[in-house]
Protein backbone atom coordinates (compact mmCIF):
# COMPACT_ATOMS: atom_id res chain seq x y z
CA MET A 1 -3.32 12.76 15.43
CA PRO A 2 -1.32 14.47 12.62
CA ARG A 3 -0.85 18.23 13.07
CA LEU A 4 -0.98 20.62 10.09
CA VAL A 5 2.30 22.57 9.88
CA ASP A 6 1.84 24.41 6.59
CA SER A 7 -0.40 24.48 3.53
CA PHE A 8 0.32 25.99 0.12
CA ARG A 9 -0.65 25.75 -3.58
CA HIS A 10 1.62 24.06 -6.13
CA ARG A 11 1.32 24.08 -9.93
CA ASP A 12 2.61 21.06 -11.89
CA THR A 13 4.87 22.49 -14.61
CA ASP A 14 4.09 19.62 -17.00
CA THR A 15 0.31 19.54 -16.76
CA GLY A 16 -0.56 22.91 -15.30
CA ALA A 17 -2.66 21.17 -12.67
CA GLU A 18 -2.77 22.99 -9.37
CA ARG A 19 -2.80 21.15 -6.05
CA ARG A 20 -2.93 22.12 -2.44
CA VAL A 21 0.04 20.73 -0.52
CA ASN A 22 -0.39 20.05 3.19
CA VAL A 23 2.67 19.60 5.38
CA LEU A 24 1.97 17.48 8.44
CA ALA A 25 4.11 17.10 11.53
CA ALA A 26 5.61 13.68 12.09
CA VAL A 27 3.52 11.39 14.25
CA PRO A 28 5.56 9.61 16.92
CA GLY A 29 5.54 5.83 16.92
CA LEU A 30 5.04 5.31 13.19
CA ARG A 31 7.33 2.75 11.54
CA SER A 32 7.73 1.88 7.87
CA LEU A 33 7.24 -1.58 6.45
CA ALA A 34 10.98 -1.50 5.75
CA ASP A 35 11.51 -1.13 9.53
CA VAL A 36 9.14 -4.03 10.14
CA ARG A 37 11.02 -6.31 7.74
CA ARG A 38 14.36 -5.34 9.32
CA ALA A 39 12.92 -6.32 12.71
CA TYR A 40 11.60 -9.62 11.28
CA PRO A 41 14.11 -10.57 8.55
CA ASP A 42 12.71 -14.09 8.20
CA GLY A 43 9.23 -12.72 7.58
CA LEU A 44 6.10 -12.14 9.63
CA ASP A 45 3.29 -14.42 10.61
CA ALA A 46 0.46 -13.87 8.14
CA ARG A 47 -1.91 -13.06 11.01
CA ASP A 48 0.23 -10.00 11.77
CA VAL A 49 0.40 -9.01 8.12
CA ALA A 50 -3.39 -9.39 7.84
CA TRP A 51 -4.25 -6.23 9.78
CA MET A 52 -1.69 -4.22 7.81
CA TRP A 53 -3.04 -5.52 4.50
CA ARG A 54 -6.64 -4.82 5.50
CA ARG A 55 -5.91 -1.25 6.58
CA LEU A 56 -3.79 -0.59 3.50
CA LEU A 57 -6.70 -1.67 1.30
CA VAL A 58 -8.95 0.77 3.18
CA ALA A 59 -6.46 3.61 2.55
CA LEU A 60 -6.29 2.67 -1.13
CA GLY A 61 -10.06 2.40 -1.36
CA LEU A 62 -10.39 5.95 -0.06
CA ALA A 63 -7.72 7.27 -2.44
CA HIS A 64 -9.25 5.53 -5.44
CA ARG A 65 -12.70 6.81 -4.54
CA ALA A 66 -11.17 10.32 -4.54
CA GLY A 67 -9.78 9.70 -8.04
CA VAL A 68 -6.12 9.24 -7.10
CA THR A 69 -3.71 6.39 -7.77
CA HIS A 70 -0.82 6.53 -5.26
CA GLY A 71 1.67 5.01 -7.69
CA ALA A 72 4.38 4.17 -5.12
CA VAL A 73 2.91 1.83 -2.50
CA LEU A 74 6.33 0.64 -1.36
CA PRO A 75 7.79 -0.39 2.03
CA PRO A 76 9.18 3.07 2.92
CA HIS A 77 5.83 4.71 2.08
CA VAL A 78 3.59 2.50 4.20
CA LEU A 79 3.82 3.46 7.87
CA ILE A 80 2.25 1.48 10.66
CA GLU A 81 1.40 2.30 14.25
CA PRO A 82 2.16 -1.09 15.84
CA ASP A 83 0.20 -0.80 19.09
CA GLY A 84 -3.00 0.66 17.63
CA HIS A 85 -2.81 -1.20 14.32
CA GLY A 86 -2.90 2.01 12.30
CA VAL A 87 -1.62 2.47 8.74
CA VAL A 88 -0.62 5.70 7.03
CA LEU A 89 0.27 5.90 3.34
CA VAL A 90 2.82 8.67 2.66
CA ASP A 91 4.76 10.22 -0.22
CA TRP A 92 1.95 11.10 -2.58
CA CYS A 93 4.29 12.97 -4.94
CA PHE A 94 4.21 9.92 -7.26
CA SER A 95 0.41 9.93 -7.50
CA ALA A 96 -1.59 10.27 -10.69
CA ALA A 97 -5.18 10.31 -11.77
CA PRO A 98 -6.39 6.94 -13.04
CA GLY A 99 -5.69 6.73 -16.75
CA ARG A 100 -2.54 8.86 -16.46
CA ALA A 101 1.04 7.66 -16.16
CA VAL A 102 2.81 7.66 -12.79
CA PRO A 103 5.31 10.55 -13.09
CA ALA A 104 8.44 8.90 -11.65
CA LEU A 105 9.96 5.81 -10.07
CA VAL A 106 11.45 5.54 -6.59
CA PRO A 107 15.16 4.78 -6.99
CA ASP A 108 16.20 1.29 -5.84
CA PHE A 109 12.63 -0.04 -6.19
CA GLU A 110 12.41 -0.45 -9.98
CA ASP A 111 11.86 -4.20 -9.69
CA TRP A 112 8.79 -3.62 -7.45
CA TYR A 113 6.79 -1.84 -10.15
CA PRO A 114 4.21 -3.31 -12.52
CA GLU A 115 4.67 -3.06 -16.26
CA GLU A 116 2.38 -0.05 -16.76
CA ILE A 117 4.56 2.16 -14.56
CA LEU A 118 7.84 0.95 -16.06
CA ARG A 119 6.52 1.62 -19.58
CA LYS A 120 4.91 4.95 -18.63
CA ARG A 121 1.46 3.67 -19.52
CA PRO A 122 -1.82 4.70 -17.88
CA CYS A 123 -2.25 3.49 -14.31
CA GLY A 124 -5.30 2.73 -12.24
CA PRO A 125 -6.42 1.23 -8.93
CA GLY A 126 -4.98 -2.14 -9.99
CA THR A 127 -1.55 -0.50 -10.07
CA ASP A 128 -1.74 0.27 -6.36
CA ILE A 129 -3.19 -3.16 -5.64
CA TRP A 130 -0.19 -4.77 -7.40
CA LEU A 131 2.24 -2.71 -5.30
CA ALA A 132 0.41 -3.22 -1.99
CA THR A 133 0.23 -6.96 -2.57
CA GLY A 134 3.95 -7.04 -3.25
CA CYS A 135 4.58 -5.31 0.10
CA MET A 136 2.44 -7.81 1.97
CA THR A 137 3.94 -10.94 0.41
CA TRP A 138 7.42 -9.50 1.00
CA LEU A 139 6.56 -8.99 4.68
CA MET A 140 5.38 -12.57 5.10
CA GLY A 141 8.37 -14.02 3.28
CA ARG A 142 8.55 -17.78 3.77
CA HIS A 143 5.68 -17.65 6.29
CA ALA A 144 3.07 -16.92 3.61
CA PRO A 145 0.32 -19.57 3.54
CA ARG A 146 -0.39 -20.95 0.08
CA GLU A 147 -3.98 -19.58 0.22
CA LEU A 148 -2.66 -16.03 0.64
CA LEU A 149 -0.07 -16.60 -2.08
CA ALA A 150 -2.86 -17.71 -4.43
CA PHE A 151 -4.84 -14.58 -3.49
CA ALA A 152 -1.72 -12.48 -4.14
CA ARG A 153 -1.20 -14.04 -7.58
CA GLY A 154 -4.67 -12.88 -8.54
CA CYS A 155 -3.79 -9.34 -7.46
CA ARG A 156 -0.52 -9.31 -9.40
CA GLN A 157 -1.55 -10.48 -12.84
CA ARG A 158 0.61 -8.92 -15.48
CA PRO A 159 -1.91 -6.88 -17.48
CA LEU A 160 -3.58 -4.09 -15.52
CA ASN A 161 -7.02 -4.97 -16.92
CA ARG A 162 -6.77 -8.49 -15.42
CA ARG A 163 -6.11 -7.27 -11.87
CA PRO A 164 -8.68 -6.34 -9.24
CA ASP A 165 -9.51 -2.64 -9.42
CA ASP A 166 -11.77 -2.21 -6.40
CA ALA A 167 -9.92 -2.16 -3.09
CA TRP A 168 -13.19 -2.33 -1.13
CA ARG A 169 -14.33 -5.50 -2.89
CA LEU A 170 -10.83 -6.94 -2.57
CA LEU A 171 -10.94 -6.29 1.19
CA GLY A 172 -14.04 -8.47 1.40
CA GLU A 173 -12.32 -11.23 -0.57
CA LEU A 174 -9.23 -10.99 1.66
CA ASP A 175 -11.45 -11.26 4.73
CA GLU A 176 -12.97 -14.46 3.34
CA VAL A 177 -9.53 -15.99 2.80
CA LEU A 178 -8.41 -14.94 6.29
CA GLU A 179 -11.55 -16.35 7.90
CA ARG A 180 -11.07 -19.68 6.13
CA LEU A 181 -7.45 -19.75 7.36
CA TYR A 182 -7.81 -18.42 10.90
CA GLY A 183 -11.48 -18.23 11.84
CA PRO A 184 -13.26 -15.09 13.07
CA ARG A 185 -11.19 -11.94 13.23
CA ALA A 186 -9.60 -11.17 16.61
CA PHE A 187 -7.18 -8.48 17.79
CA ARG A 188 -3.61 -9.78 17.84
CA PRO A 189 -1.07 -7.54 19.62
CA PHE A 190 1.93 -6.67 17.47
CA THR A 191 5.31 -5.71 18.90
CA LEU A 192 8.00 -3.86 17.04
CA ASN A 193 11.04 -3.09 19.14
CA PRO A 194 12.81 0.24 18.57
C-alpha cells in the first residue's frame, strides 16, 4: 500500500489553479511498461496484456469521472505489480481538465501523442484512451490478434470526437472481444524477472 510522505499546496502560475500535491513513497515490486517490453522484446501474449489493459481502463475511468485527463499515458508512467496484477498510473503533472490543452509533452515520446496534444488543442477522455491503446498494442507487438488490433483502431481514430470517450463502456467492449478470443476470464500468472 502506498505511504504518504508529504502533502503541500501548489499554484499553477499560468492558470492560477491551486492543487494539493501528495508525495507517496515508492512501492516495491512495481515495474513500468517499458520494463515489461525490455523483458519481452518480441512482444507479450495478448492474454497477459489483457489484465493490464483492463486495469488501465479502470484507472482512466476513475480519473475521467473525477474530471481529469492524464495526458501522458505512456510506458514509463504505467506501472504494474506483476504478481498481483495491479496497475498504477503515475506522473500526473501532464494532466488537464477535459476541454483544456495538455500542458507539455514527454521528451522522446512525441510520436506517441494524438493530434490534439501535438497541436495544443483541447483534450478529453479519448486522448487518454488513444495513449493507453498505443501502450497495449506496443506491448503485444507481433503477437497482437487481429481482433484486438481492430478494437485498437477504433480507439485510435484521428479526430478526438470519433474516439471512445467512456473508459467504463470501453472496458465492457474489451471484455467482449477478450471473451470471444479466449473464453471466460481466468487468472493467468505473469512473471517479470528482475
